[in-house]
Amino acid sequence: MTARRLRVLLSVGRLGGLGGVETMSVAIAGALAQQGHQIDIVYEQQVGAVPAFAHSASQVRALDVRLRRPFAALRDVLPVLVAGIRHWPDVVYVHRFEELAFALPLRFLTGSQIVCHLHYFSPRSRVPLKSRGVARFVAVSNVTANQWITQGIAPAKITVVPNGIDVDAFPLTSDDDRRRARNVLGLPQDAFVALFCGRISPEKGVHDLLEAWARLGLPADRARLVVVGVSSDGDAETVAYQERLIARADEGVEWLAARPDVLTPMRAADVLVLPSRVESFGLVLAEAMSTGLPTIATWVGGIPETVGENGTLVAAEDTAALVDALHQAAEHGPPQTARRLALRQDVSERLSLEAMSHRIEQLLVESARPRQRRVPHRRPVDRNR
């Protein structure tokens, strides 16, 4: 444990959500709590249980306060400011740039320092001005860091810390694990199985994958594409996109609901495919590699940094290249033991949650406001006596 125990106010958009930002922020906070730091959470929505490590959890109206509507902004920001003042944190740890709308006023009121974790890039206004009040930015990849630098964040303020996973939660897949997982999911034991696992949305390139799968032309008894992530929890456009894909999908495509257990589909698969058009990191790639599962992904964003030299990369929107990569994976069949071990070792060395949380802890401690001793009040001396 570090010499100083911090009071950390953590913002989470959807508490218990399965999204990458929510999952990563809670995982980091849990690791910090294990090191003895006090974690108080403010959140907008609750779709799962409050983590056991949380010292407190407070629901607020909004973390992304829209200043274009002053009265609504004041109504929304007051509850989170009250929660922040009550906990008087050493560090306000936010995971979206938009949440600086509440963190900056809270810093003014309490003197708490701000650490902002940049999980993705989204163009924003007045970035140089807002970033002045932030002690440290953390970016998940060099690509993400450079994108924010072009928007006006000082390079000296950004530290790149790759996302990390709990490698023990994604153990190496054995041949017996593969057989059991296929039985659970009702997949043929001898078929080639490709897996997509994530949000079914245009930027994830799922339509590109379905087109490539159709062009691959393998019969359903010899090949299956498993798509994990079906959900009605999204905006109308995303839900409509998902419904169109399901309606037109070829035979041999299996659709599974979004689920916290992604280990079983990974154990059943021969390759994981992430055909994203936009991606800051690609956490699912690290999870798959930890189990020994080979990956095919697109050369966009932070993905090349995530897979390193241990994955197949193709250009985004290049269906022909994706077909070729799938064909080669089908020809190779299940990965051999040596290949699985190499993939897991790579993740353990570069992308572990332990290493990541240790680096984040260092940055939080370095950024935290100094604790000042209270000076006892003394009666002024009457020098005329």
Protein backbone atom coordinates (compact mmCIF):
# COMPACT_ATOMS: atom_id res chain seq x y z
CA MET A 1 0.00 0.00 0.00
CA THR A 2 1.16 3.52 -0.75
CA ALA A 3 2.18 5.72 2.19
CA ARG A 4 -0.80 8.00 1.66
CA ARG A 5 -4.41 6.88 1.77
CA LEU A 6 -6.44 8.93 -0.69
CA ARG A 7 -10.08 9.94 -0.71
CA VAL A 8 -11.07 9.47 -4.37
CA LEU A 9 -14.36 10.67 -5.85
CA LEU A 10 -15.06 8.46 -8.88
CA SER A 11 -17.61 9.28 -11.58
CA VAL A 12 -19.44 6.44 -13.36
CA GLY A 13 -22.10 7.03 -16.00
CA ARG A 14 -23.88 3.67 -15.70
CA LEU A 15 -23.10 1.82 -12.50
CA GLY A 16 -23.06 -1.89 -13.29
CA GLY A 17 -23.02 -1.27 -17.05
CA LEU A 18 -21.20 -3.60 -19.42
CA GLY A 19 -19.62 -0.86 -21.53
CA GLY A 20 -15.85 -0.63 -21.75
CA VAL A 21 -15.57 2.71 -19.92
CA GLU A 22 -17.81 1.63 -17.04
CA THR A 23 -16.14 -1.77 -16.74
CA MET A 24 -12.65 -0.29 -16.78
CA SER A 25 -13.37 2.53 -14.33
CA VAL A 26 -14.91 0.19 -11.76
CA ALA A 27 -12.07 -2.33 -12.16
CA ILE A 28 -9.47 0.37 -11.52
CA ALA A 29 -11.40 1.67 -8.52
CA GLY A 30 -11.62 -1.83 -7.07
CA ALA A 31 -7.86 -2.25 -7.36
CA LEU A 32 -7.34 1.15 -5.67
CA ALA A 33 -9.68 0.15 -2.84
CA GLN A 34 -7.63 -3.01 -2.30
CA GLN A 35 -4.63 -0.75 -1.73
CA GLY A 36 -6.49 1.04 1.05
CA HIS A 37 -7.84 4.10 -0.73
CA GLN A 38 -11.36 5.35 0.00
CA ILE A 39 -13.59 5.28 -3.09
CA ASP A 40 -16.78 7.35 -3.16
CA ILE A 41 -18.86 7.00 -6.33
CA VAL A 42 -21.21 9.43 -8.06
CA TYR A 43 -23.26 7.98 -10.90
CA GLU A 44 -26.13 8.80 -13.25
CA GLN A 45 -27.81 5.41 -13.77
CA GLN A 46 -27.73 2.15 -11.86
CA VAL A 47 -28.14 -1.09 -13.81
CA GLY A 48 -26.23 -3.34 -11.42
CA ALA A 49 -25.18 -3.66 -7.80
CA VAL A 50 -23.06 -1.06 -6.02
CA PRO A 51 -19.52 -2.50 -5.78
CA ALA A 52 -18.69 -3.87 -2.34
CA PHE A 53 -15.50 -1.81 -2.18
CA ALA A 54 -17.36 1.53 -2.44
CA HIS A 55 -17.28 3.66 0.71
CA SER A 56 -20.43 5.37 -0.61
CA ALA A 57 -22.43 5.70 -3.83
CA SER A 58 -24.63 8.68 -4.70
CA GLN A 59 -26.94 8.95 -7.68
CA VAL A 60 -27.07 12.37 -9.33
CA ARG A 61 -29.10 13.86 -12.16
CA ALA A 62 -26.21 14.34 -14.57
CA LEU A 63 -22.43 14.26 -14.75
CA ASP A 64 -22.28 15.71 -18.26
CA VAL A 65 -23.73 19.15 -17.48
CA ARG A 66 -24.89 21.13 -20.52
CA LEU A 67 -23.92 24.76 -19.96
CA ARG A 68 -25.99 25.92 -22.93
CA ARG A 69 -29.03 25.70 -20.65
CA PRO A 70 -27.95 27.61 -17.51
CA PHE A 71 -30.94 26.88 -15.27
CA ALA A 72 -31.02 23.17 -16.15
CA ALA A 73 -27.24 23.04 -15.72
CA LEU A 74 -27.50 24.54 -12.25
CA ARG A 75 -30.23 22.05 -11.33
CA ASP A 76 -28.12 19.15 -12.58
CA VAL A 77 -24.78 20.17 -11.11
CA LEU A 78 -25.91 21.02 -7.57
CA PRO A 79 -26.44 17.40 -6.37
CA VAL A 80 -23.01 16.26 -7.57
CA LEU A 81 -21.35 19.32 -6.03
CA VAL A 82 -23.10 18.63 -2.72
CA ALA A 83 -21.91 15.01 -2.85
CA GLY A 84 -18.40 16.14 -3.65
CA ILE A 85 -18.29 18.70 -0.84
CA ARG A 86 -19.61 16.09 1.60
CA HIS A 87 -16.77 13.70 0.80
CA TRP A 88 -14.10 16.42 0.40
CA PRO A 89 -11.93 14.26 -1.91
CA ASP A 90 -8.20 14.53 -2.43
CA VAL A 91 -8.75 13.62 -6.10
CA VAL A 92 -11.75 13.80 -8.41
CA TYR A 93 -11.24 10.96 -10.90
CA VAL A 94 -13.45 11.34 -13.99
CA HIS A 95 -13.58 9.04 -17.02
CA ARG A 96 -15.10 11.34 -19.62
CA PHE A 97 -13.89 14.77 -20.69
CA GLU A 98 -17.49 15.97 -20.57
CA GLU A 99 -17.57 15.39 -16.80
CA LEU A 100 -15.15 18.25 -16.26
CA ALA A 101 -18.34 20.34 -16.27
CA PHE A 102 -18.89 19.28 -12.64
CA ALA A 103 -15.30 18.48 -11.68
CA LEU A 104 -13.94 21.98 -12.36
CA PRO A 105 -16.50 23.78 -10.12
CA LEU A 106 -15.88 21.16 -7.44
CA ARG A 107 -12.16 21.84 -7.63
CA PHE A 108 -12.87 25.55 -7.13
CA LEU A 109 -15.01 24.81 -4.06
CA THR A 110 -12.85 22.17 -2.37
CA GLY A 111 -9.35 22.48 -3.79
CA SER A 112 -9.53 18.84 -4.93
CA GLN A 113 -7.28 17.99 -7.86
CA ILE A 114 -8.69 16.43 -11.03
CA VAL A 115 -7.44 13.41 -12.95
CA CYS A 116 -9.29 12.81 -16.23
CA HIS A 117 -9.05 9.40 -17.91
CA LEU A 118 -9.44 9.67 -21.68
CA HIS A 119 -10.87 6.37 -22.94
CA TYR A 120 -11.82 7.71 -26.37
CA PHE A 121 -11.60 10.82 -28.50
CA SER A 122 -14.55 13.12 -29.06
CA PRO A 123 -14.04 16.69 -30.31
CA ARG A 124 -15.00 19.25 -27.69
CA SER A 125 -15.10 23.03 -27.43
CA ARG A 126 -12.77 25.14 -25.24
CA VAL A 127 -10.45 22.19 -24.58
CA PRO A 128 -7.37 24.35 -23.78
CA LEU A 129 -9.35 26.42 -21.27
CA LYS A 130 -10.97 23.45 -19.53
CA SER A 131 -7.74 21.45 -19.40
CA ARG A 132 -5.97 24.14 -17.37
CA GLY A 133 -7.80 23.06 -14.25
CA VAL A 134 -6.87 19.38 -14.65
CA ALA A 135 -3.80 18.07 -12.85
CA ARG A 136 -3.30 15.04 -15.09
CA PHE A 137 -4.86 13.37 -18.12
CA VAL A 138 -4.51 9.62 -18.68
CA ALA A 139 -4.93 8.27 -22.23
CA VAL A 140 -5.47 4.60 -23.09
CA SER A 141 -3.24 4.74 -26.17
CA ASN A 142 -0.74 6.97 -27.94
CA VAL A 143 -3.26 7.53 -30.72
CA THR A 144 -5.86 8.79 -28.24
CA ALA A 145 -3.30 11.03 -26.53
CA ASN A 146 -2.25 12.59 -29.83
CA GLN A 147 -5.86 13.22 -30.84
CA TRP A 148 -6.49 15.19 -27.65
CA ILE A 149 -3.20 17.05 -28.00
CA THR A 150 -4.39 18.33 -31.38
CA GLN A 151 -7.45 19.70 -29.57
CA GLY A 152 -5.33 21.74 -27.20
CA ILE A 153 -4.30 19.63 -24.19
CA ALA A 154 -0.67 20.27 -23.26
CA PRO A 155 1.45 17.17 -24.08
CA ALA A 156 3.17 17.38 -20.68
CA LYS A 157 -0.20 16.84 -18.98
CA ILE A 158 -0.99 13.52 -20.69
CA THR A 159 0.35 10.16 -19.59
CA VAL A 160 -0.37 7.06 -21.69
CA VAL A 161 -1.41 4.06 -19.59
CA PRO A 162 -2.81 1.12 -21.62
CA ASN A 163 -5.92 -0.54 -20.32
CA GLY A 164 -5.37 -3.66 -18.27
CA ILE A 165 -7.39 -6.79 -17.58
CA ASP A 166 -7.59 -9.23 -14.72
CA VAL A 167 -5.74 -12.09 -16.39
CA ASP A 168 -7.01 -14.51 -13.73
CA ALA A 169 -10.57 -13.79 -14.91
CA PHE A 170 -9.57 -14.86 -18.44
CA PRO A 171 -7.54 -18.05 -17.94
CA LEU A 172 -5.93 -20.06 -20.68
CA THR A 173 -8.41 -22.19 -22.62
CA SER A 174 -7.76 -25.94 -22.68
CA ASP A 175 -9.13 -28.44 -25.17
CA ASP A 176 -11.61 -29.62 -22.54
CA ASP A 177 -12.72 -26.02 -21.93
CA ARG A 178 -13.35 -25.63 -25.65
CA ARG A 179 -15.48 -28.78 -25.83
CA ARG A 180 -17.55 -27.82 -22.77
CA ALA A 181 -18.12 -24.27 -24.02
CA ARG A 182 -19.36 -25.53 -27.38
CA ASN A 183 -21.75 -27.89 -25.66
CA VAL A 184 -23.11 -25.03 -23.54
CA LEU A 185 -23.66 -22.82 -26.59
CA GLY A 186 -24.91 -25.62 -28.85
CA LEU A 187 -22.09 -25.26 -31.38
CA PRO A 188 -20.72 -28.13 -33.48
CA GLN A 189 -17.50 -29.53 -32.04
CA ASP A 190 -15.72 -29.72 -35.40
CA ALA A 191 -16.88 -26.42 -36.89
CA PHE A 192 -14.75 -23.31 -37.40
CA VAL A 193 -16.14 -20.68 -34.98
CA ALA A 194 -15.46 -16.97 -35.34
CA LEU A 195 -16.58 -14.61 -32.57
CA PHE A 196 -17.56 -10.97 -32.37
CA CYS A 197 -18.15 -9.66 -28.86
CA GLY A 198 -19.16 -6.06 -28.22
CA ARG A 199 -21.67 -3.33 -28.95
CA ILE A 200 -23.56 -3.94 -32.18
CA SER A 201 -23.27 -0.50 -33.76
CA PRO A 202 -22.02 0.95 -37.07
CA GLU A 203 -18.68 2.11 -35.68
CA LYS A 204 -17.91 -1.48 -34.63
CA GLY A 205 -18.13 -2.57 -38.29
CA VAL A 206 -20.45 -5.52 -37.64
CA HIS A 207 -22.01 -5.10 -41.10
CA ASP A 208 -18.53 -5.41 -42.62
CA LEU A 209 -18.04 -8.68 -40.74
CA LEU A 210 -21.41 -10.07 -41.88
CA GLU A 211 -20.60 -9.22 -45.49
CA ALA A 212 -17.19 -10.89 -45.22
CA TRP A 213 -18.77 -13.95 -43.60
CA ALA A 214 -21.29 -14.26 -46.42
CA ARG A 215 -18.50 -13.99 -49.00
CA LEU A 216 -16.46 -16.60 -47.14
CA GLY A 217 -19.20 -19.04 -48.17
CA LEU A 218 -18.64 -21.82 -45.63
CA PRO A 219 -21.70 -24.04 -44.92
CA ALA A 220 -23.35 -23.79 -41.49
CA ASP A 221 -22.35 -27.33 -40.52
CA ARG A 222 -18.68 -26.41 -41.02
CA ALA A 223 -18.56 -22.81 -39.77
CA ARG A 224 -20.39 -20.53 -37.37
CA LEU A 225 -20.15 -16.82 -36.67
CA VAL A 226 -21.19 -16.02 -33.09
CA VAL A 227 -22.20 -12.40 -32.46
CA VAL A 228 -22.43 -11.51 -28.75
CA GLY A 229 -23.95 -8.15 -27.86
CA VAL A 230 -27.62 -8.12 -28.85
CA SER A 231 -29.37 -5.51 -26.69
CA SER A 232 -32.39 -3.22 -26.73
CA ASP A 233 -30.56 -0.83 -24.40
CA GLY A 234 -29.44 1.86 -26.82
CA ASP A 235 -30.62 4.74 -28.96
CA ALA A 236 -33.26 4.10 -31.61
CA GLU A 237 -30.76 4.31 -34.48
CA THR A 238 -28.45 1.68 -32.96
CA VAL A 239 -31.32 -0.67 -32.16
CA ALA A 240 -32.66 -0.32 -35.72
CA TYR A 241 -29.19 -1.05 -37.11
CA GLN A 242 -29.00 -4.20 -35.01
CA GLU A 243 -32.45 -5.37 -36.13
CA ARG A 244 -31.55 -4.87 -39.82
CA LEU A 245 -28.42 -6.98 -39.43
CA ILE A 246 -30.26 -9.81 -37.67
CA ALA A 247 -32.99 -9.82 -40.33
CA ARG A 248 -30.59 -10.17 -43.26
CA ALA A 249 -27.92 -12.41 -41.70
CA ASP A 250 -27.06 -15.65 -43.47
CA GLU A 251 -27.50 -19.12 -42.04
CA GLY A 252 -24.72 -20.00 -39.66
CA VAL A 253 -24.75 -16.69 -37.78
CA GLU A 254 -25.62 -17.10 -34.10
CA TRP A 255 -26.87 -14.05 -32.18
CA LEU A 256 -26.40 -13.92 -28.40
CA ALA A 257 -27.53 -11.26 -25.96
CA ALA A 258 -25.04 -8.93 -24.32
CA ARG A 259 -23.74 -10.73 -21.25
CA PRO A 260 -21.22 -10.30 -18.44
CA ASP A 261 -19.86 -13.81 -19.15
CA VAL A 262 -17.80 -13.47 -22.32
CA LEU A 263 -15.38 -16.19 -21.25
CA THR A 264 -17.63 -19.04 -22.43
CA PRO A 265 -17.96 -17.73 -26.02
CA MET A 266 -14.22 -17.05 -26.11
CA ARG A 267 -13.46 -20.61 -25.04
CA ALA A 268 -15.76 -21.91 -27.78
CA ALA A 269 -14.20 -19.82 -30.56
CA ASP A 270 -11.24 -20.34 -32.89
CA VAL A 271 -10.72 -16.63 -33.52
CA LEU A 272 -12.10 -13.31 -32.25
CA VAL A 273 -12.87 -10.63 -34.85
CA LEU A 274 -13.08 -6.90 -34.11
CA PRO A 275 -13.77 -5.08 -37.43
CA SER A 276 -14.11 -1.61 -35.88
CA ARG A 277 -14.05 1.58 -37.89
CA VAL A 278 -13.27 3.60 -34.75
CA GLU A 279 -11.55 2.16 -31.66
CA SER A 280 -9.43 3.77 -28.96
CA PHE A 281 -8.13 0.54 -27.44
CA GLY A 282 -10.20 -2.65 -27.98
CA LEU A 283 -10.33 -4.20 -24.51
CA VAL A 284 -12.00 -7.37 -25.80
CA LEU A 285 -8.83 -8.11 -27.79
CA ALA A 286 -6.76 -8.24 -24.60
CA GLU A 287 -9.36 -10.44 -22.93
CA ALA A 288 -9.34 -12.86 -25.86
CA MET A 289 -5.55 -12.99 -26.04
CA SER A 290 -5.40 -13.77 -22.31
CA THR A 291 -7.38 -16.96 -22.98
CA GLY A 292 -5.04 -17.87 -25.85
CA LEU A 293 -7.57 -16.92 -28.54
CA PRO A 294 -6.10 -15.47 -31.78
CA THR A 295 -7.55 -12.19 -33.05
CA ILE A 296 -8.38 -10.45 -36.31
CA ALA A 297 -8.87 -6.70 -36.05
CA THR A 298 -8.73 -3.52 -38.07
CA TRP A 299 -5.78 -1.17 -38.27
CA VAL A 300 -7.54 1.78 -36.60
CA GLY A 301 -7.02 3.86 -33.46
CA GLY A 302 -5.25 2.13 -30.61
CA ILE A 303 -5.84 -1.43 -31.86
CA PRO A 304 -2.29 -1.94 -33.21
CA GLU A 305 -0.91 -0.94 -29.80
CA THR A 306 -3.25 -3.42 -28.09
CA VAL A 307 -2.47 -6.49 -30.19
CA GLY A 308 1.22 -5.70 -30.63
CA GLU A 309 2.84 -8.32 -32.85
CA ASN A 310 0.40 -11.07 -31.92
CA GLY A 311 -2.67 -10.37 -34.00
CA THR A 312 -3.81 -10.20 -37.62
CA LEU A 313 -4.59 -6.64 -38.74
CA VAL A 314 -6.53 -5.58 -41.83
CA ALA A 315 -7.62 -2.19 -43.13
CA ALA A 316 -11.01 -0.95 -41.93
CA GLU A 317 -13.86 -1.43 -44.42
CA ASP A 318 -11.68 -3.76 -46.54
CA THR A 319 -14.03 -6.70 -46.92
CA ALA A 320 -11.71 -8.64 -49.21
CA ALA A 321 -8.87 -8.48 -46.67
CA LEU A 322 -11.24 -9.56 -43.91
CA VAL A 323 -12.42 -12.53 -46.00
CA ASP A 324 -8.80 -13.54 -46.58
CA ALA A 325 -7.97 -13.30 -42.86
CA LEU A 326 -11.03 -15.41 -41.93
CA HIS A 327 -10.12 -17.97 -44.59
CA GLN A 328 -6.61 -18.32 -43.19
CA ALA A 329 -7.97 -18.68 -39.65
CA ALA A 330 -10.36 -21.40 -40.81
CA GLU A 331 -7.51 -23.21 -42.54
CA HIS A 332 -5.33 -23.12 -39.41
CA GLY A 333 -8.09 -24.40 -37.10
CA PRO A 334 -7.87 -24.20 -33.29
CA PRO A 335 -4.68 -22.58 -31.97
CA GLN A 336 -2.02 -24.95 -30.73
CA THR A 337 -0.85 -24.89 -27.10
CA ALA A 338 2.36 -22.98 -27.84
CA ARG A 339 0.39 -20.26 -29.66
CA ARG A 340 -2.07 -19.94 -26.78
CA LEU A 341 0.71 -19.66 -24.23
CA ALA A 342 2.48 -16.95 -26.25
CA LEU A 343 -0.69 -14.86 -26.49
CA ARG A 344 -1.37 -15.12 -22.77
CA GLN A 345 2.20 -14.29 -21.82
CA ASP A 346 2.11 -11.18 -24.01
CA VAL A 347 -1.03 -9.88 -22.28
CA SER A 348 0.29 -10.74 -18.81
CA GLU A 349 3.43 -8.73 -19.46
CA ARG A 350 1.90 -5.70 -21.18
CA LEU A 351 -1.78 -5.40 -20.31
CA SER A 352 -2.46 -6.63 -16.77
CA LEU A 353 -4.87 -4.80 -14.48
CA GLU A 354 -2.28 -5.02 -11.71
CA ALA A 355 0.32 -3.06 -13.67
CA MET A 356 -2.24 -0.56 -14.90
CA SER A 357 -3.78 0.14 -11.49
CA HIS A 358 -0.33 0.54 -9.94
CA ARG A 359 0.52 3.24 -12.50
CA ILE A 360 -2.85 4.96 -12.01
CA GLU A 361 -2.32 4.92 -8.25
CA GLN A 362 1.05 6.62 -8.70
CA LEU A 363 -0.53 9.34 -10.86
CA LEU A 364 -3.37 9.93 -8.40
CA VAL A 365 -0.97 10.24 -5.46
CA GLU A 366 1.27 12.61 -7.40
CA SER A 367 -1.73 14.72 -8.45
CA ALA A 368 -3.62 14.81 -5.13
CA ARG A 369 -3.82 18.05 -3.23
CA PRO A 370 -1.44 18.26 -0.29
CA ARG A 371 -2.98 17.67 3.10
CA GLN A 372 -2.58 20.76 5.25
CA ARG A 373 -2.39 20.63 9.00
CA ARG A 374 -4.92 22.68 10.88
CA VAL A 375 -3.23 25.53 12.71
CA PRO A 376 -4.83 26.13 16.13
CA HIS A 377 -6.40 29.54 16.55
CA ARG A 378 -4.37 31.82 18.75
CA ARG A 379 -5.50 34.97 20.45
CA PRO A 380 -3.71 37.98 18.95
CA VAL A 381 -1.02 39.51 21.13
CA ASP A 382 -1.76 43.01 22.44
CA ARG A 383 1.56 44.73 21.89
CA ASN A 384 0.40 47.87 23.73
CA ARG A 385 0.40 46.11 27.08
